[in-house]
Amino acid sequence: MSQSEPADAGAGTTTVTVKCTGHVRAAVGKATFTYTFTGDDLRSFLDSFFAEYDVAELLIAMEPEAESARGWTPELDERPGTWKQNPEGERIRRYARVLINGRFNEHLDGFDTPLADGDRVSLMYPFVYCV
């Protein structure tokens, strides 16, 4: 359901600002807009958004290890703090990113990250040019 459609009162909806870049922006056809969905977490948002906009393959790794996002720095033998990887099926494609209020979803609670009215969800899959 997009912002232009009325939301059912009491249906447990959340309205966020969506920002799209690169390939996602090209596929969706707009850069910034509000979006209302049923639920209150990133998983609910993505389920609703992907049902309306066919961009899941741009963001979600279909082959978990081969396609999932990796950092751009060398892997450390010992990592400081708590490091975790999103479960299979919930990994973002290499070079793509999903951010909530400017933070990568994998640094929050993955697809279970809570969302509230007014939050910003950025869907990024940049154009890559080789010369």
N, C-alpha and C. Protein backbone atom coordinates (compact mmCIF):
# COMPACT_ATOMS: atom_id res chain seq x y z
N MET A 1 0.85 -1.16 0.00
CA MET A 1 0.00 0.00 0.00
C MET A 1 0.90 1.23 0.00
N SER A 2 0.67 2.16 -0.87
CA SER A 2 1.48 3.37 -0.91
C SER A 2 0.79 4.47 -0.12
N GLN A 3 1.48 5.56 0.09
CA GLN A 3 0.96 6.66 0.87
C GLN A 3 -0.32 7.22 0.26
N SER A 4 -0.49 7.11 -1.04
CA SER A 4 -1.66 7.69 -1.68
C SER A 4 -2.93 6.91 -1.35
N GLU A 5 -2.83 5.69 -0.87
CA GLU A 5 -3.99 4.90 -0.50
C GLU A 5 -4.31 5.13 0.97
N PRO A 6 -5.59 5.17 1.33
CA PRO A 6 -5.92 5.37 2.74
C PRO A 6 -5.53 4.15 3.56
N ALA A 7 -5.01 4.39 4.74
CA ALA A 7 -4.64 3.29 5.64
C ALA A 7 -5.82 2.98 6.55
N ASP A 8 -6.05 1.70 6.82
CA ASP A 8 -7.10 1.30 7.74
C ASP A 8 -6.73 1.73 9.14
N ALA A 9 -7.64 2.42 9.80
CA ALA A 9 -7.39 2.80 11.18
C ALA A 9 -7.34 1.54 12.03
N GLY A 10 -6.35 1.42 12.87
CA GLY A 10 -6.22 0.27 13.74
C GLY A 10 -5.63 -0.95 13.08
N ALA A 11 -5.19 -0.84 11.84
CA ALA A 11 -4.64 -2.00 11.13
C ALA A 11 -3.17 -2.20 11.44
N GLY A 12 -2.59 -1.35 12.28
CA GLY A 12 -1.18 -1.47 12.61
C GLY A 12 -0.28 -1.08 11.45
N THR A 13 -0.48 0.12 10.93
CA THR A 13 0.33 0.58 9.81
C THR A 13 1.44 1.50 10.28
N THR A 14 2.47 1.57 9.47
CA THR A 14 3.61 2.44 9.71
C THR A 14 3.88 3.20 8.43
N THR A 15 4.21 4.48 8.54
CA THR A 15 4.55 5.30 7.38
C THR A 15 6.00 5.74 7.51
N VAL A 16 6.80 5.40 6.50
CA VAL A 16 8.22 5.75 6.49
C VAL A 16 8.53 6.57 5.24
N THR A 17 9.67 7.22 5.26
CA THR A 17 10.19 7.88 4.07
C THR A 17 11.15 6.92 3.39
N VAL A 18 10.93 6.66 2.12
CA VAL A 18 11.78 5.74 1.36
C VAL A 18 12.67 6.57 0.45
N LYS A 19 13.96 6.24 0.46
CA LYS A 19 14.93 6.87 -0.43
C LYS A 19 15.56 5.77 -1.28
N CYS A 20 15.50 5.93 -2.59
CA CYS A 20 16.03 4.93 -3.52
C CYS A 20 17.18 5.53 -4.31
N THR A 21 18.24 4.75 -4.53
CA THR A 21 19.36 5.22 -5.34
C THR A 21 19.72 4.17 -6.39
N GLY A 22 20.44 4.61 -7.40
CA GLY A 22 20.99 3.73 -8.42
C GLY A 22 19.93 2.91 -9.13
N HIS A 23 20.19 1.60 -9.25
CA HIS A 23 19.29 0.69 -9.96
C HIS A 23 17.90 0.65 -9.33
N VAL A 24 17.82 0.76 -8.01
CA VAL A 24 16.53 0.73 -7.33
C VAL A 24 15.71 1.96 -7.74
N ARG A 25 16.35 3.12 -7.77
CA ARG A 25 15.65 4.34 -8.19
C ARG A 25 15.15 4.21 -9.63
N ALA A 26 15.99 3.67 -10.50
CA ALA A 26 15.59 3.49 -11.90
C ALA A 26 14.39 2.55 -12.01
N ALA A 27 14.37 1.47 -11.24
CA ALA A 27 13.28 0.50 -11.30
C ALA A 27 11.99 1.03 -10.68
N VAL A 28 12.12 1.75 -9.57
CA VAL A 28 10.95 2.27 -8.86
C VAL A 28 10.39 3.51 -9.57
N GLY A 29 11.29 4.31 -10.16
CA GLY A 29 10.85 5.49 -10.89
C GLY A 29 10.77 6.76 -10.07
N LYS A 30 11.21 6.70 -8.83
CA LYS A 30 11.25 7.90 -8.00
C LYS A 30 12.33 7.74 -6.94
N ALA A 31 12.80 8.89 -6.45
CA ALA A 31 13.92 8.88 -5.52
C ALA A 31 13.50 8.90 -4.06
N THR A 32 12.57 9.75 -3.70
CA THR A 32 12.16 9.90 -2.30
C THR A 32 10.64 10.02 -2.24
N PHE A 33 10.03 9.24 -1.35
CA PHE A 33 8.58 9.28 -1.21
C PHE A 33 8.19 8.64 0.11
N THR A 34 6.97 8.89 0.56
CA THR A 34 6.48 8.23 1.77
C THR A 34 5.78 6.94 1.37
N TYR A 35 5.84 5.97 2.28
CA TYR A 35 5.26 4.65 1.99
C TYR A 35 4.63 4.12 3.27
N THR A 36 3.39 3.69 3.18
CA THR A 36 2.67 3.14 4.32
C THR A 36 2.47 1.64 4.11
N PHE A 37 2.75 0.87 5.15
CA PHE A 37 2.64 -0.58 5.07
C PHE A 37 2.05 -1.10 6.38
N THR A 38 1.55 -2.31 6.35
CA THR A 38 1.03 -2.96 7.54
C THR A 38 2.18 -3.64 8.27
N GLY A 39 2.35 -3.33 9.54
CA GLY A 39 3.44 -3.90 10.33
C GLY A 39 4.30 -2.81 10.92
N ASP A 40 5.37 -3.23 11.62
CA ASP A 40 6.22 -2.25 12.27
C ASP A 40 7.69 -2.67 12.31
N ASP A 41 8.10 -3.46 11.30
CA ASP A 41 9.52 -3.84 11.23
C ASP A 41 9.97 -3.88 9.77
N LEU A 42 11.27 -4.02 9.59
CA LEU A 42 11.85 -4.00 8.24
C LEU A 42 11.33 -5.15 7.40
N ARG A 43 11.15 -6.32 8.00
CA ARG A 43 10.64 -7.48 7.26
C ARG A 43 9.26 -7.18 6.66
N SER A 44 8.36 -6.60 7.45
CA SER A 44 7.02 -6.25 6.96
C SER A 44 7.11 -5.20 5.86
N PHE A 45 7.98 -4.21 6.07
CA PHE A 45 8.17 -3.19 5.04
C PHE A 45 8.63 -3.81 3.73
N LEU A 46 9.68 -4.65 3.79
CA LEU A 46 10.22 -5.25 2.57
C LEU A 46 9.19 -6.14 1.88
N ASP A 47 8.45 -6.95 2.64
CA ASP A 47 7.42 -7.80 2.04
C ASP A 47 6.41 -6.95 1.27
N SER A 48 5.95 -5.89 1.89
CA SER A 48 4.97 -5.01 1.25
C SER A 48 5.57 -4.28 0.06
N PHE A 49 6.76 -3.73 0.25
CA PHE A 49 7.41 -2.95 -0.80
C PHE A 49 7.72 -3.83 -2.02
N PHE A 50 8.23 -5.03 -1.79
CA PHE A 50 8.56 -5.93 -2.90
C PHE A 50 7.30 -6.42 -3.63
N ALA A 51 6.17 -6.50 -2.92
CA ALA A 51 4.92 -6.88 -3.58
C ALA A 51 4.46 -5.77 -4.53
N GLU A 52 4.77 -4.52 -4.19
CA GLU A 52 4.35 -3.39 -5.02
C GLU A 52 5.39 -3.03 -6.08
N TYR A 53 6.66 -3.14 -5.72
CA TYR A 53 7.76 -2.79 -6.63
C TYR A 53 8.64 -4.03 -6.80
N ASP A 54 8.89 -4.42 -8.02
CA ASP A 54 9.64 -5.64 -8.32
C ASP A 54 11.15 -5.38 -8.25
N VAL A 55 11.65 -5.17 -7.04
CA VAL A 55 13.08 -4.85 -6.87
C VAL A 55 13.78 -5.79 -5.89
N ALA A 56 13.13 -6.87 -5.49
CA ALA A 56 13.74 -7.79 -4.52
C ALA A 56 15.07 -8.32 -5.03
N GLU A 57 15.14 -8.70 -6.31
CA GLU A 57 16.38 -9.27 -6.85
C GLU A 57 17.52 -8.25 -6.89
N LEU A 58 17.19 -6.96 -6.87
CA LEU A 58 18.23 -5.94 -6.84
C LEU A 58 18.87 -5.83 -5.45
N LEU A 59 18.13 -6.23 -4.43
CA LEU A 59 18.60 -6.01 -3.06
C LEU A 59 18.91 -7.28 -2.28
N ILE A 60 18.15 -8.34 -2.48
CA ILE A 60 18.29 -9.55 -1.67
C ILE A 60 19.16 -10.56 -2.40
N ALA A 61 20.13 -11.14 -1.68
CA ALA A 61 21.03 -12.14 -2.26
C ALA A 61 20.26 -13.42 -2.49
N MET A 62 20.15 -13.84 -3.74
CA MET A 62 19.44 -15.08 -4.05
C MET A 62 20.34 -16.29 -3.82
N GLU A 63 21.65 -16.12 -4.00
CA GLU A 63 22.64 -17.16 -3.69
C GLU A 63 23.41 -16.65 -2.48
N PRO A 64 23.03 -17.06 -1.29
CA PRO A 64 23.49 -16.42 -0.07
C PRO A 64 24.98 -16.11 0.04
N GLU A 65 25.86 -17.07 -0.06
CA GLU A 65 27.27 -16.77 0.15
C GLU A 65 27.91 -16.06 -1.04
N ALA A 66 27.58 -16.48 -2.25
CA ALA A 66 28.22 -15.91 -3.44
C ALA A 66 27.82 -14.47 -3.67
N GLU A 67 26.59 -14.11 -3.33
CA GLU A 67 26.07 -12.79 -3.66
C GLU A 67 25.95 -11.84 -2.48
N SER A 68 26.09 -12.33 -1.25
CA SER A 68 25.81 -11.47 -0.12
C SER A 68 26.89 -10.42 0.08
N ALA A 69 26.48 -9.36 0.73
CA ALA A 69 27.36 -8.20 0.93
C ALA A 69 28.58 -8.57 1.75
N ARG A 70 29.69 -8.03 1.38
CA ARG A 70 30.93 -8.16 2.14
C ARG A 70 31.49 -6.75 2.29
N GLY A 71 32.33 -6.58 3.28
CA GLY A 71 32.96 -5.28 3.46
C GLY A 71 34.02 -5.03 2.41
N TRP A 72 34.50 -3.82 2.38
CA TRP A 72 35.54 -3.47 1.40
C TRP A 72 36.92 -3.45 2.05
N THR A 73 37.02 -3.96 3.26
CA THR A 73 38.31 -4.03 3.95
C THR A 73 38.64 -5.50 4.19
N PRO A 74 39.91 -5.80 4.42
CA PRO A 74 40.29 -7.21 4.64
C PRO A 74 39.60 -7.79 5.87
N GLU A 75 39.32 -9.09 5.81
CA GLU A 75 38.73 -9.79 6.95
C GLU A 75 39.78 -9.90 8.06
N LEU A 76 39.37 -9.71 9.29
CA LEU A 76 40.27 -9.84 10.44
C LEU A 76 40.14 -11.24 11.01
N ASP A 77 41.26 -11.80 11.52
CA ASP A 77 41.19 -13.10 12.17
C ASP A 77 40.36 -13.01 13.45
N GLU A 78 40.60 -11.95 14.23
CA GLU A 78 39.82 -11.70 15.44
C GLU A 78 39.09 -10.39 15.25
N ARG A 79 37.79 -10.44 15.43
CA ARG A 79 36.99 -9.23 15.24
C ARG A 79 36.62 -8.64 16.58
N PRO A 80 36.74 -7.33 16.71
CA PRO A 80 36.36 -6.69 17.97
C PRO A 80 34.84 -6.65 18.11
N GLY A 81 34.35 -6.76 19.33
CA GLY A 81 32.91 -6.65 19.56
C GLY A 81 32.14 -7.86 19.06
N THR A 82 30.86 -7.64 18.83
CA THR A 82 29.96 -8.70 18.37
C THR A 82 29.72 -8.55 16.88
N TRP A 83 30.08 -9.55 16.12
CA TRP A 83 29.85 -9.55 14.68
C TRP A 83 28.90 -10.67 14.35
N LYS A 84 27.91 -10.38 13.54
CA LYS A 84 26.98 -11.41 13.13
C LYS A 84 26.60 -11.19 11.68
N GLN A 85 26.21 -12.26 11.03
CA GLN A 85 25.78 -12.17 9.65
C GLN A 85 24.29 -12.47 9.61
N ASN A 86 23.56 -11.76 8.77
CA ASN A 86 22.14 -12.03 8.65
C ASN A 86 21.93 -13.47 8.20
N PRO A 87 20.83 -14.10 8.62
CA PRO A 87 20.56 -15.48 8.22
C PRO A 87 20.36 -15.60 6.70
N GLU A 88 20.55 -16.81 6.16
CA GLU A 88 20.32 -17.03 4.74
C GLU A 88 18.91 -16.61 4.39
N GLY A 89 18.75 -16.03 3.20
CA GLY A 89 17.45 -15.52 2.77
C GLY A 89 17.20 -14.10 3.22
N GLU A 90 18.05 -13.60 4.13
CA GLU A 90 17.91 -12.23 4.63
C GLU A 90 19.19 -11.44 4.40
N ARG A 91 20.02 -11.92 3.49
CA ARG A 91 21.27 -11.23 3.21
C ARG A 91 21.10 -10.31 2.02
N ILE A 92 21.73 -9.17 2.12
CA ILE A 92 21.66 -8.17 1.07
C ILE A 92 22.72 -8.49 0.02
N ARG A 93 22.40 -8.23 -1.26
CA ARG A 93 23.35 -8.46 -2.35
C ARG A 93 24.63 -7.66 -2.15
N ARG A 94 25.70 -8.18 -2.70
CA ARG A 94 26.96 -7.46 -2.69
C ARG A 94 26.74 -6.10 -3.36
N TYR A 95 27.25 -5.06 -2.78
CA TYR A 95 27.17 -3.67 -3.22
C TYR A 95 25.82 -3.02 -2.97
N ALA A 96 24.79 -3.78 -2.64
CA ALA A 96 23.50 -3.20 -2.30
C ALA A 96 23.46 -2.97 -0.79
N ARG A 97 22.62 -2.06 -0.37
CA ARG A 97 22.49 -1.78 1.06
C ARG A 97 21.06 -1.36 1.38
N VAL A 98 20.61 -1.74 2.58
CA VAL A 98 19.36 -1.27 3.15
C VAL A 98 19.73 -0.57 4.44
N LEU A 99 19.33 0.69 4.55
CA LEU A 99 19.65 1.48 5.74
C LEU A 99 18.37 1.95 6.41
N ILE A 100 18.41 2.00 7.72
CA ILE A 100 17.33 2.56 8.51
C ILE A 100 17.91 3.74 9.26
N ASN A 101 17.38 4.91 8.96
CA ASN A 101 17.87 6.15 9.59
C ASN A 101 19.39 6.28 9.47
N GLY A 102 19.92 5.89 8.31
CA GLY A 102 21.34 6.05 8.04
C GLY A 102 22.24 4.94 8.55
N ARG A 103 21.66 3.87 9.11
CA ARG A 103 22.47 2.76 9.63
C ARG A 103 22.15 1.49 8.86
N PHE A 104 23.19 0.73 8.50
CA PHE A 104 23.00 -0.52 7.78
C PHE A 104 22.15 -1.48 8.61
N ASN A 105 21.20 -2.16 7.95
CA ASN A 105 20.31 -3.06 8.70
C ASN A 105 21.08 -4.19 9.39
N GLU A 106 22.22 -4.62 8.82
CA GLU A 106 22.97 -5.70 9.46
C GLU A 106 23.65 -5.26 10.75
N HIS A 107 23.74 -3.94 10.98
CA HIS A 107 24.29 -3.44 12.24
C HIS A 107 23.19 -3.19 13.26
N LEU A 108 21.96 -3.43 12.87
CA LEU A 108 20.82 -3.30 13.77
C LEU A 108 20.30 -4.71 14.05
N ASP A 109 19.03 -4.95 13.84
CA ASP A 109 18.45 -6.28 14.07
C ASP A 109 18.07 -6.96 12.76
N GLY A 110 18.83 -6.70 11.69
CA GLY A 110 18.54 -7.32 10.41
C GLY A 110 17.13 -6.99 9.95
N PHE A 111 16.42 -7.98 9.43
CA PHE A 111 15.06 -7.77 8.94
C PHE A 111 14.06 -7.59 10.09
N ASP A 112 14.48 -7.87 11.31
CA ASP A 112 13.61 -7.70 12.48
C ASP A 112 13.76 -6.31 13.11
N THR A 113 14.51 -5.42 12.47
CA THR A 113 14.68 -4.06 12.98
C THR A 113 13.33 -3.36 13.05
N PRO A 114 12.96 -2.84 14.22
CA PRO A 114 11.68 -2.13 14.33
C PRO A 114 11.69 -0.83 13.52
N LEU A 115 10.54 -0.49 12.97
CA LEU A 115 10.35 0.77 12.26
C LEU A 115 9.21 1.53 12.91
N ALA A 116 9.33 2.85 12.92
CA ALA A 116 8.29 3.71 13.47
C ALA A 116 7.93 4.77 12.43
N ASP A 117 6.76 5.37 12.60
CA ASP A 117 6.36 6.45 11.71
C ASP A 117 7.47 7.49 11.64
N GLY A 118 7.78 7.92 10.42
CA GLY A 118 8.79 8.96 10.22
C GLY A 118 10.20 8.45 10.01
N ASP A 119 10.44 7.16 10.23
CA ASP A 119 11.78 6.61 9.98
C ASP A 119 12.11 6.72 8.50
N ARG A 120 13.42 6.70 8.19
CA ARG A 120 13.90 6.73 6.81
C ARG A 120 14.45 5.36 6.45
N VAL A 121 13.96 4.79 5.36
CA VAL A 121 14.48 3.52 4.85
C VAL A 121 15.11 3.82 3.50
N SER A 122 16.41 3.58 3.40
CA SER A 122 17.13 3.81 2.14
C SER A 122 17.44 2.49 1.49
N LEU A 123 17.12 2.39 0.19
CA LEU A 123 17.36 1.19 -0.60
C LEU A 123 18.37 1.55 -1.67
N MET A 124 19.58 1.03 -1.52
CA MET A 124 20.69 1.46 -2.36
C MET A 124 21.28 0.30 -3.15
N TYR A 125 21.39 0.48 -4.44
CA TYR A 125 22.13 -0.44 -5.30
C TYR A 125 22.74 0.43 -6.38
N PRO A 126 23.98 0.88 -6.17
CA PRO A 126 24.57 1.89 -7.06
C PRO A 126 24.89 1.34 -8.44
N PHE A 127 24.91 2.27 -9.38
CA PHE A 127 25.41 1.93 -10.71
C PHE A 127 26.92 1.75 -10.60
N VAL A 128 27.47 0.75 -11.24
CA VAL A 128 28.91 0.52 -11.20
C VAL A 128 29.41 0.60 -12.64
N TYR A 129 30.39 1.47 -12.85
CA TYR A 129 30.94 1.65 -14.18
C TYR A 129 32.41 1.25 -14.18
N CYS A 130 32.81 0.50 -15.16
CA CYS A 130 34.21 0.13 -15.31
C CYS A 130 34.75 0.80 -16.56
N VAL A 131 35.93 1.35 -16.46
CA VAL A 131 36.53 2.02 -17.61
C VAL A 131 37.62 1.17 -18.18
